[in-house]
Protein backbone atom coordinates (compact mmCIF):
# COMPACT_ATOMS: atom_id res chain seq x y z
CA MET A 1 -0.05 -0.08 -0.02
CA ILE A 2 2.74 2.32 0.96
CA LYS A 3 4.64 1.59 -2.38
CA LYS A 4 1.44 2.12 -4.43
CA THR A 5 0.88 5.53 -2.75
CA LEU A 6 4.51 6.67 -3.33
CA PHE A 7 4.26 5.67 -6.93
CA TYR A 8 1.14 8.02 -7.23
CA ILE A 9 2.79 10.77 -5.44
CA LEU A 10 5.91 10.37 -7.94
CA ILE A 11 3.64 10.50 -10.90
CA PHE A 12 1.92 13.65 -9.45
CA ILE A 13 5.20 15.43 -8.98
CA VAL A 14 6.52 14.48 -12.50
CA SER A 15 3.29 15.70 -13.86
CA LEU A 16 3.28 18.97 -12.13
CA VAL A 17 7.04 19.46 -13.09
CA VAL A 18 6.32 18.67 -16.69
CA PHE A 19 3.30 20.99 -16.55
CA LEU A 20 5.05 23.91 -15.10
CA ILE A 21 8.01 23.71 -17.54
CA SER A 22 5.68 23.45 -20.58
CA THR A 23 3.69 26.39 -19.51
CA LEU A 24 6.62 28.45 -18.29
CA PRO A 25 6.21 31.98 -19.64
CA ALA A 26 8.96 32.99 -22.09
CA SER A 27 8.94 36.66 -20.64
CA LEU A 28 9.93 35.28 -17.29
CA LEU A 29 12.95 33.40 -18.58
CA TRP A 30 13.95 36.43 -20.56
CA GLU A 31 13.71 38.88 -17.76
CA LYS A 32 15.38 36.63 -15.01
CA ALA A 33 17.86 34.85 -17.12
CA LEU A 34 18.69 36.27 -20.37
CA GLN A 35 18.07 39.91 -20.74
CA GLN A 36 21.01 41.18 -18.87
CA GLU A 37 23.27 38.65 -20.54
CA VAL A 38 22.11 39.60 -24.10
CA LYS A 39 22.44 43.34 -23.24
CA ASN A 40 26.12 42.92 -22.28
CA ASN A 41 27.08 41.05 -25.29
CA VAL A 42 24.95 42.08 -28.21
CA VAL A 43 25.40 45.93 -28.74
CA GLY A 44 22.33 47.54 -30.42
CA LEU A 45 19.93 44.58 -29.73
CA ASP A 46 16.74 45.50 -28.04
CA VAL A 47 13.94 43.01 -27.28
CA ALA A 48 10.79 45.13 -26.94
CA SER A 49 8.42 42.37 -25.97
CA VAL A 50 8.14 38.57 -25.44
CA GLY A 51 5.06 36.54 -25.54
CA GLY A 52 4.02 32.80 -25.39
CA THR A 53 5.95 30.14 -23.52
CA LEU A 54 9.44 28.73 -23.54
CA TRP A 55 8.32 26.20 -25.99
CA LYS A 56 6.14 28.18 -28.41
CA GLY A 57 6.25 31.86 -28.58
CA GLU A 58 7.22 35.17 -30.23
CA ALA A 59 9.41 38.25 -29.59
CA LEU A 60 9.37 41.83 -31.13
CA VAL A 61 13.23 42.44 -31.60
CA ARG A 62 14.79 45.65 -32.83
CA TYR A 63 18.47 45.64 -34.04
CA LYS A 64 19.53 49.24 -34.50
CA SER A 65 17.41 50.42 -37.27
CA LEU A 66 15.67 47.23 -38.06
CA ALA A 67 12.61 45.93 -36.38
CA MET A 68 11.40 42.15 -36.71
CA VAL A 69 9.07 39.46 -35.11
CA VAL A 70 10.83 36.14 -34.10
CA ASP A 71 8.44 33.14 -33.65
CA TRP A 72 9.81 29.91 -32.28
CA ASP A 73 8.37 26.46 -31.94
CA VAL A 74 10.18 23.65 -29.77
CA ASP A 75 9.03 20.08 -30.72
CA LEU A 76 9.36 18.20 -27.35
CA SER A 77 8.69 14.84 -28.94
CA GLY A 78 12.33 15.08 -30.23
CA LEU A 79 13.55 14.54 -26.46
CA PHE A 80 12.81 10.74 -26.96
CA THR A 81 15.49 10.58 -29.53
CA PHE A 82 17.79 12.92 -27.56
CA THR A 83 17.37 15.73 -29.93
CA LEU A 84 15.76 19.17 -29.67
CA PRO A 85 13.98 20.39 -32.96
CA ILE A 86 13.17 24.14 -33.06
CA SER A 87 11.49 25.98 -35.81
CA ILE A 88 12.16 29.68 -36.23
CA ASP A 89 10.55 32.38 -38.46
CA VAL A 90 11.77 35.76 -38.68
CA ASN A 91 9.56 38.49 -40.43
CA GLY A 92 10.63 42.14 -40.64
CA GLN A 93 11.31 45.18 -42.74
CA ALA A 94 14.20 43.57 -44.55
CA GLY A 95 12.48 40.42 -45.37
CA ASN A 96 11.59 37.02 -44.26
CA ILE A 97 13.51 34.03 -42.85
CA SER A 98 12.38 30.47 -41.98
CA LEU A 99 14.75 28.12 -40.42
CA SER A 100 14.90 24.89 -38.34
CA VAL A 101 17.50 23.74 -35.90
CA GLU A 102 17.95 20.22 -34.47
CA ILE A 103 20.31 20.10 -31.45
CA GLY A 104 21.72 16.71 -30.54
CA LEU A 105 24.11 15.34 -28.03
CA SER A 106 27.25 16.15 -30.12
CA GLN A 107 25.79 17.46 -33.35
CA ILE A 108 23.80 20.52 -34.51
CA ALA A 109 21.82 20.51 -37.73
CA LEU A 110 20.76 23.89 -39.09
CA MET A 111 18.47 24.14 -41.99
CA LEU A 112 17.68 27.55 -43.61
CA ASN A 113 14.63 26.69 -45.47
CA LYS A 114 14.22 29.97 -47.28
CA ALA A 115 15.33 33.49 -46.86
CA GLU A 116 14.42 36.68 -48.76
CA VAL A 117 16.15 39.87 -47.81
CA GLU A 118 16.02 43.20 -49.39
CA LEU A 119 19.45 44.48 -48.86
CA SER A 120 18.84 48.14 -49.16
CA HIS A 121 17.21 47.93 -45.68
CA LEU A 122 20.52 46.71 -44.38
CA THR A 123 22.59 49.81 -45.60
CA PRO A 124 21.85 51.91 -42.44
CA LEU A 125 23.84 49.14 -40.60
CA VAL A 126 27.01 49.75 -42.66
CA LYS A 127 26.58 53.36 -43.72
CA ARG A 128 29.34 54.53 -41.33
CA LYS A 129 31.70 52.30 -43.41
CA ARG A 130 30.62 54.16 -46.48
CA VAL A 131 28.91 51.14 -47.89
CA SER A 132 25.36 50.80 -49.56
CA LEU A 133 23.76 47.60 -50.55
CA ASP A 134 20.88 47.00 -53.06
CA GLY A 135 18.92 44.14 -54.57
CA LYS A 136 17.34 40.97 -53.15
CA LEU A 137 19.27 38.04 -51.57
CA LEU A 138 17.55 34.66 -51.85
CA LEU A 139 18.84 31.70 -50.06
CA LYS A 140 17.20 28.15 -50.30
CA GLU A 141 17.61 24.90 -48.48
CA ILE A 142 21.01 25.78 -46.95
CA LEU A 143 21.81 22.80 -44.57
CA LEU A 144 24.74 23.12 -42.14
CA LEU A 145 25.91 20.21 -40.03
CA VAL A 146 28.28 21.11 -37.03
CA GLU A 147 29.70 18.10 -35.00
CA ASP A 148 31.89 18.69 -31.93
CA GLN A 149 31.97 22.50 -32.85
CA LYS A 150 33.29 21.83 -36.42
CA VAL A 151 31.79 22.17 -39.62
CA VAL A 152 30.91 18.63 -41.17
CA SER A 153 29.15 19.77 -44.29
CA LEU A 154 27.35 22.63 -45.93
CA SER A 155 25.06 22.39 -48.84
CA GLY A 156 22.34 24.60 -50.56
CA MET A 157 21.92 27.47 -53.06
CA GLY A 158 21.22 31.20 -53.28
CA SER A 159 21.23 34.20 -55.60
CA TRP A 160 21.64 37.86 -55.50
CA SER A 161 19.50 39.85 -57.95
CA GLY A 162 22.24 42.43 -58.45
CA GLY A 163 21.82 46.33 -58.28
CA ASP A 164 23.40 49.71 -57.32
CA ILE A 165 26.05 49.43 -54.60
CA ALA A 166 28.71 51.49 -53.21
CA TYR A 167 32.01 50.86 -51.33
CA PRO A 168 35.10 52.81 -50.14
CA VAL A 169 38.28 52.77 -52.30
CA GLY A 170 40.80 54.92 -50.39
CA ARG A 171 39.37 58.24 -49.86
CA GLN A 172 36.83 57.78 -52.56
CA VAL A 173 33.53 55.98 -52.67
CA HIS A 174 32.93 53.93 -55.98
CA GLU A 175 29.28 53.42 -57.02
CA ARG A 176 28.73 50.44 -59.33
CA ASN A 177 25.84 48.55 -60.86
CA LEU A 178 26.57 44.77 -60.65
CA PRO A 179 24.72 42.00 -62.33
CA LYS A 180 23.00 38.89 -60.93
CA PHE A 181 24.99 36.35 -58.94
CA GLN A 182 24.38 32.65 -58.12
CA VAL A 183 25.60 31.01 -55.20
CA LEU A 184 26.09 27.29 -54.72
CA ALA A 185 27.34 25.50 -51.53
CA GLU A 186 28.42 21.82 -51.50
CA THR A 187 30.63 19.48 -49.48
CA ASN A 188 32.63 16.57 -51.29
CA ASN A 189 33.48 13.06 -50.09
CA GLU A 190 36.65 14.30 -48.53
CA GLY A 191 34.70 16.70 -46.23
CA LEU A 192 36.03 19.72 -48.09
CA VAL A 193 33.21 22.55 -47.93
CA HIS A 194 33.02 24.67 -50.97
CA VAL A 195 30.95 27.87 -51.77
CA GLY A 196 31.14 29.24 -55.25
CA VAL A 197 29.79 32.47 -56.43
CA ARG A 198 29.47 33.47 -60.21
CA ASP A 199 27.46 35.53 -62.62
CA SER A 200 25.46 34.14 -65.46
CA ASP A 201 28.05 35.01 -68.20
CA VAL A 202 30.95 32.76 -66.96
CA SER A 203 31.45 29.11 -66.19
CA PHE A 204 33.93 29.63 -63.24
CA ASP A 205 33.51 30.94 -59.65
CA VAL A 206 34.20 34.71 -59.42
CA ILE A 207 34.46 34.29 -55.62
CA ASP A 208 35.66 30.93 -54.31
CA ILE A 209 35.38 30.08 -50.60
CA SER A 210 36.49 26.74 -49.04
CA LEU A 211 36.88 25.22 -45.64
CA ASP A 212 38.78 21.87 -45.13
CA THR A 213 38.52 19.30 -42.38
CA HIS A 214 41.33 20.84 -40.43
CA GLY A 215 39.29 24.24 -40.01
CA GLU A 216 41.46 26.15 -42.62
CA ALA A 217 39.34 28.66 -44.55
CA MET A 218 40.45 30.21 -47.94
CA VAL A 219 38.85 32.78 -50.01
CA ARG A 220 39.96 33.59 -53.56
CA VAL A 221 38.60 36.50 -55.60
CA THR A 222 39.27 36.45 -59.54
CA ARG A 223 39.83 39.45 -61.77
CA ARG A 224 36.33 38.81 -63.28
CA LEU A 225 34.94 40.57 -60.25
CA LEU A 226 36.97 43.66 -60.84
CA ASP A 227 36.01 43.72 -64.46
CA LEU A 228 32.38 43.54 -63.39
CA ALA A 229 32.95 46.54 -61.08
CA ALA A 230 34.93 48.50 -63.60
CA GLU A 231 37.98 48.47 -61.36
CA GLU A 232 41.55 48.97 -62.96
CA TRP A 233 43.75 45.84 -63.20
CA PRO A 234 46.62 45.06 -65.47
CA LYS A 235 45.13 43.85 -68.84
CA ASN A 236 47.78 41.35 -69.48
CA SER A 237 46.11 38.98 -66.90
CA LYS A 238 43.16 36.75 -67.49
CA GLU A 239 39.72 37.14 -65.96
CA THR A 240 40.21 33.68 -64.21
CA ASP A 241 43.37 34.85 -62.49
CA VAL A 242 43.16 35.18 -58.74
CA VAL A 243 43.73 38.77 -57.59
CA PHE A 244 43.02 38.50 -53.96
CA LYS A 245 43.45 35.53 -51.61
CA VAL A 246 43.35 35.20 -47.78
CA LYS A 247 43.68 32.00 -45.66
CA LYS A 248 42.82 31.84 -42.09
CA VAL A 249 42.45 29.02 -39.49
CA ILE A 250 39.08 29.26 -37.85
CA TYR A 251 39.21 26.34 -35.59
């Protein structure tokens, strides 16, 4: 009889804990645990309001000149397989982003389902650097796998519609109109991550970005990009020649 009573008490306590956690207001967690931490580490970010619960809710967020609504939905059924799937939607002035994250014991999978961003809305963020942006950035089915804090694979595609941009060159600011660019990300059998950027008139990457299994990243830019931007470069070179290269170990 005592064992049966203890069992019922245990069931009640577990049920109560699950109920309290599942209905925990997101605003309470934000105010008591996260607000000061974010304020100290992310300059310019302001969370105006938080609604819903820890597992399903929304927040009105402002980052400098941008305002956006962030919705999240945590699928608790993933706990049975020791994962935590989270769906996140961001809707704001600059555009819309839909992504999902699956957090495992040692692996994180991030799927950027779709993103549409009007870059002109981001210009105020970089105006002090004398940069202006234009055109629409589209990203689709970008899958990033990270294991033990290292990138395992990256795949997906995207495009930039082209448009009028400006950037500093010495004391001057150059204004240019660039064409549309396509972006393709893929990972080969040896684990080398590659991101290529090219315009529609060539069959080679204008910008080549790679990341190997040792965490060494490499960025190469060809003369073709300078030609498109009408920047001067010795004409005895080929448009496929690399004019800028940087290498850095990131982990």
